[in-house]
Amino acid sequence: MKSPAQHGTRPQYIVMATARAKPGREADLEGALRAVVEPTRRQPGCLSFHLYRPVDAPGTIMAFECWATEADHDRHLQGDHVKRLMAVFGDVIAGPPTFLRVDVLTD
């Protein structure tokens, strides 16, 4: 897997998004998030998009997103696949998702 620096440009906009499933809805959360992976990766400006699950929190899924620009990320949030995901979230997640904007410190 390539690091951000190996993509030929440092990502200018990196987001870590986290969602926690309601009890018994873990598989629904995972399925809904998996469904947006490929459409997201095909969007202009998406440098990488990966899902992670903390080992000690099986009901939580984190998305690590690298975008060329903030505008690319903003367009992503307006995509039909994201709108469908947000509609599913209402029934599946235990609270609002969290979004953490981060900067790269090392390659």
Protein backbone atom coordinates (compact mmCIF):
# COMPACT_ATOMS: atom_id res chain seq x y z
CA MET A 1 0.00 0.00 0.00
CA LYS A 2 1.25 3.43 -0.89
CA SER A 3 1.78 6.09 1.72
CA PRO A 4 0.35 9.54 1.00
CA ALA A 5 3.79 10.75 -0.08
CA GLN A 6 4.04 7.87 -2.60
CA HIS A 7 0.88 9.09 -4.35
CA GLY A 8 2.99 11.96 -5.65
CA THR A 9 1.34 14.55 -3.45
CA ARG A 10 0.72 14.97 0.23
CA PRO A 11 -2.97 14.84 1.01
CA GLN A 12 -4.21 18.23 1.99
CA TYR A 13 -7.37 17.03 3.67
CA ILE A 14 -7.42 13.95 5.87
CA VAL A 15 -10.43 12.85 7.89
CA MET A 16 -10.96 10.07 10.40
CA ALA A 17 -14.68 9.38 10.75
CA THR A 18 -16.05 7.07 13.43
CA ALA A 19 -19.48 5.48 13.82
CA ARG A 20 -20.72 3.18 16.59
CA ALA A 21 -23.54 0.71 15.93
CA LYS A 22 -26.56 0.22 18.11
CA PRO A 23 -26.43 -3.17 19.88
CA GLY A 24 -27.35 -5.89 17.41
CA ARG A 25 -26.83 -3.61 14.38
CA GLU A 26 -23.08 -4.13 13.93
CA ALA A 27 -23.45 -6.13 10.69
CA ASP A 28 -25.82 -3.49 9.29
CA LEU A 29 -23.28 -0.74 9.99
CA GLU A 30 -20.47 -2.71 8.40
CA GLY A 31 -22.56 -3.50 5.31
CA ALA A 32 -23.65 0.11 4.87
CA LEU A 33 -20.08 1.38 5.14
CA ARG A 34 -18.67 -1.31 2.85
CA ALA A 35 -21.23 -0.25 0.22
CA VAL A 36 -19.70 3.24 0.00
CA VAL A 37 -16.05 2.19 -0.29
CA GLU A 38 -15.81 1.72 -4.07
CA PRO A 39 -18.02 4.69 -5.06
CA THR A 40 -15.93 6.86 -2.74
CA ARG A 41 -12.62 5.62 -4.13
CA ARG A 42 -13.79 6.47 -7.66
CA GLN A 43 -14.54 10.10 -6.78
CA PRO A 44 -12.22 12.83 -8.06
CA GLY A 45 -9.68 13.81 -5.45
CA CYS A 46 -9.96 10.65 -3.35
CA LEU A 47 -6.41 9.51 -2.66
CA SER A 48 -7.42 6.69 -0.32
CA PHE A 49 -10.39 5.47 1.68
CA HIS A 50 -10.17 2.56 4.13
CA LEU A 51 -12.36 1.13 6.87
CA TYR A 52 -11.00 -0.05 10.23
CA ARG A 53 -12.52 -1.72 13.29
CA PRO A 54 -10.91 -1.28 16.71
CA VAL A 55 -9.99 -4.68 18.13
CA ASP A 56 -11.59 -3.87 21.48
CA ALA A 57 -14.74 -2.21 20.06
CA PRO A 58 -16.41 -4.51 17.51
CA GLY A 59 -19.42 -2.21 17.16
CA THR A 60 -17.28 0.71 16.03
CA ILE A 61 -16.00 1.33 12.50
CA MET A 62 -13.58 4.05 11.51
CA ALA A 63 -13.05 5.43 8.01
CA PHE A 64 -9.66 6.88 7.17
CA GLU A 65 -10.03 9.26 4.22
CA CYS A 66 -7.32 11.09 2.27
CA TRP A 67 -8.47 13.79 -0.15
CA ALA A 68 -6.49 16.06 -2.46
CA THR A 69 -8.46 19.10 -1.30
CA GLU A 70 -11.15 20.10 1.14
CA ALA A 71 -13.39 20.87 -1.85
CA ASP A 72 -13.02 17.24 -3.04
CA HIS A 73 -14.15 16.04 0.38
CA ASP A 74 -17.06 18.47 0.38
CA ARG A 75 -18.20 17.11 -3.03
CA HIS A 76 -17.90 13.58 -1.64
CA LEU A 77 -20.29 14.46 1.18
CA GLN A 78 -22.88 15.56 -1.41
CA GLY A 79 -22.70 12.26 -3.34
CA ASP A 80 -25.75 10.02 -3.67
CA HIS A 81 -23.92 7.11 -2.00
CA VAL A 82 -23.19 9.25 1.07
CA LYS A 83 -26.79 10.47 1.21
CA ARG A 84 -27.96 6.83 1.19
CA LEU A 85 -25.47 6.02 3.95
CA MET A 86 -26.72 8.89 6.11
CA ALA A 87 -30.30 7.64 5.68
CA VAL A 88 -29.27 4.18 6.94
CA PHE A 89 -27.29 5.67 9.82
CA GLY A 90 -30.47 6.93 11.47
CA ASP A 91 -31.57 3.38 12.27
CA VAL A 92 -28.15 1.82 12.79
CA ILE A 93 -25.80 4.06 14.74
CA ALA A 94 -25.89 4.70 18.48
CA GLY A 95 -25.14 8.42 18.21
CA PRO A 96 -23.86 10.99 15.76
CA PRO A 97 -20.72 9.98 13.87
CA THR A 98 -17.56 11.85 14.81
CA PHE A 99 -15.18 13.47 12.34
CA LEU A 100 -11.59 14.32 13.15
CA ARG A 101 -9.50 16.35 10.71
CA VAL A 102 -5.80 15.47 10.96
CA ASP A 103 -2.51 16.56 9.40
CA VAL A 104 0.33 14.24 8.34
CA LEU A 105 3.40 14.65 10.56
CA THR A 106 5.58 11.91 9.09
CA ASP A 107 5.86 9.90 5.87
